Amino acid sequence: MSENIKLETEFITLGQFLKLADVIQSGGMAKWFLSEHEVFVNGEQDQRRGRKLRAGDKIKIAGVGEFLITE
């Protein structure tokens, strides 16, 4: 089962998403989190906290869960 994360803007970065989804406590933790965990965006591993996420993107984080970006 995946959790939906609603966008208020055209896109958010992967770092902002992690905070919005309550995966991390602060934006400063994003770099560390991405270096320690496998994060997949649309089935492709990505560790760039600046990666732009838009509606329709699917994020899967091993041991955390799956998320869908919605409008």
Protein backbone atom coordinates (compact mmCIF):
# COMPACT_ATOMS: atom_id res chain seq x y z
CA MET A 1 0.00 0.00 0.00
CA SER A 2 1.34 3.43 -0.86
CA GLU A 3 0.80 6.75 0.86
CA ASN A 4 -0.27 9.77 -1.20
CA ILE A 5 1.64 13.02 -0.77
CA LYS A 6 -0.27 16.03 -2.12
CA LEU A 7 1.62 18.80 -3.91
CA GLU A 8 0.73 22.46 -3.39
CA THR A 9 3.28 23.56 -6.02
CA GLU A 10 4.40 22.34 -9.46
CA PHE A 11 7.18 20.24 -7.94
CA ILE A 12 9.14 19.61 -4.75
CA THR A 13 12.67 18.33 -4.29
CA LEU A 14 13.42 14.88 -2.94
CA GLY A 15 14.83 16.51 0.22
CA GLN A 16 11.61 18.51 0.76
CA PHE A 17 9.56 15.38 0.09
CA LEU A 18 11.36 13.41 2.83
CA LYS A 19 10.42 16.08 5.37
CA LEU A 20 6.84 16.46 4.06
CA ALA A 21 6.32 12.68 4.26
CA ASP A 22 7.63 12.68 7.87
CA VAL A 23 10.49 10.37 6.88
CA ILE A 24 13.04 12.80 8.39
CA GLN A 25 12.70 15.44 11.11
CA SER A 26 14.49 18.30 9.33
CA GLY A 27 15.72 19.23 5.89
CA GLY A 28 19.29 19.03 7.18
CA MET A 29 18.92 15.27 7.57
CA ALA A 30 18.16 14.73 3.87
CA LYS A 31 21.75 14.31 2.67
CA TRP A 32 22.54 11.82 5.44
CA PHE A 33 19.28 9.90 4.92
CA LEU A 34 19.84 9.59 1.16
CA SER A 35 23.39 8.31 1.70
CA GLU A 36 22.22 5.68 4.20
CA HIS A 37 18.99 4.43 2.57
CA GLU A 38 18.03 3.09 -0.85
CA VAL A 39 15.54 5.51 -2.39
CA PHE A 40 13.90 4.76 -5.74
CA VAL A 41 12.04 7.32 -7.85
CA ASN A 42 9.89 5.67 -10.53
CA GLY A 43 11.90 2.46 -10.13
CA GLU A 44 15.28 4.17 -10.52
CA GLN A 45 17.64 4.61 -7.58
CA ASP A 46 18.32 8.28 -6.89
CA GLN A 47 20.22 9.95 -4.07
CA ARG A 48 20.05 13.56 -5.26
CA ARG A 49 18.17 15.61 -2.68
CA GLY A 50 17.57 18.25 -5.37
CA ARG A 51 15.76 15.76 -7.66
CA LYS A 52 12.48 17.36 -8.72
CA LEU A 53 9.36 15.33 -7.96
CA ARG A 54 6.11 16.02 -9.78
CA ALA A 55 2.57 14.65 -9.65
CA GLY A 56 2.53 11.01 -10.71
CA ASP A 57 6.03 10.20 -9.42
CA LYS A 58 6.34 7.10 -7.25
CA ILE A 59 8.89 6.95 -4.45
CA LYS A 60 9.91 3.72 -2.74
CA ILE A 61 12.15 3.74 0.32
CA ALA A 62 13.42 0.38 1.57
CA GLY A 63 12.18 -0.26 5.11
CA VAL A 64 10.01 2.89 5.12
CA GLY A 65 7.33 2.51 2.47
CA GLU A 66 5.99 3.62 -0.87
CA PHE A 67 4.64 7.05 -1.75
CA LEU A 68 2.78 8.60 -4.67
CA ILE A 69 2.98 12.31 -5.47
CA THR A 70 -0.49 13.70 -6.27
CA GLU A 71 -1.87 17.11 -7.25
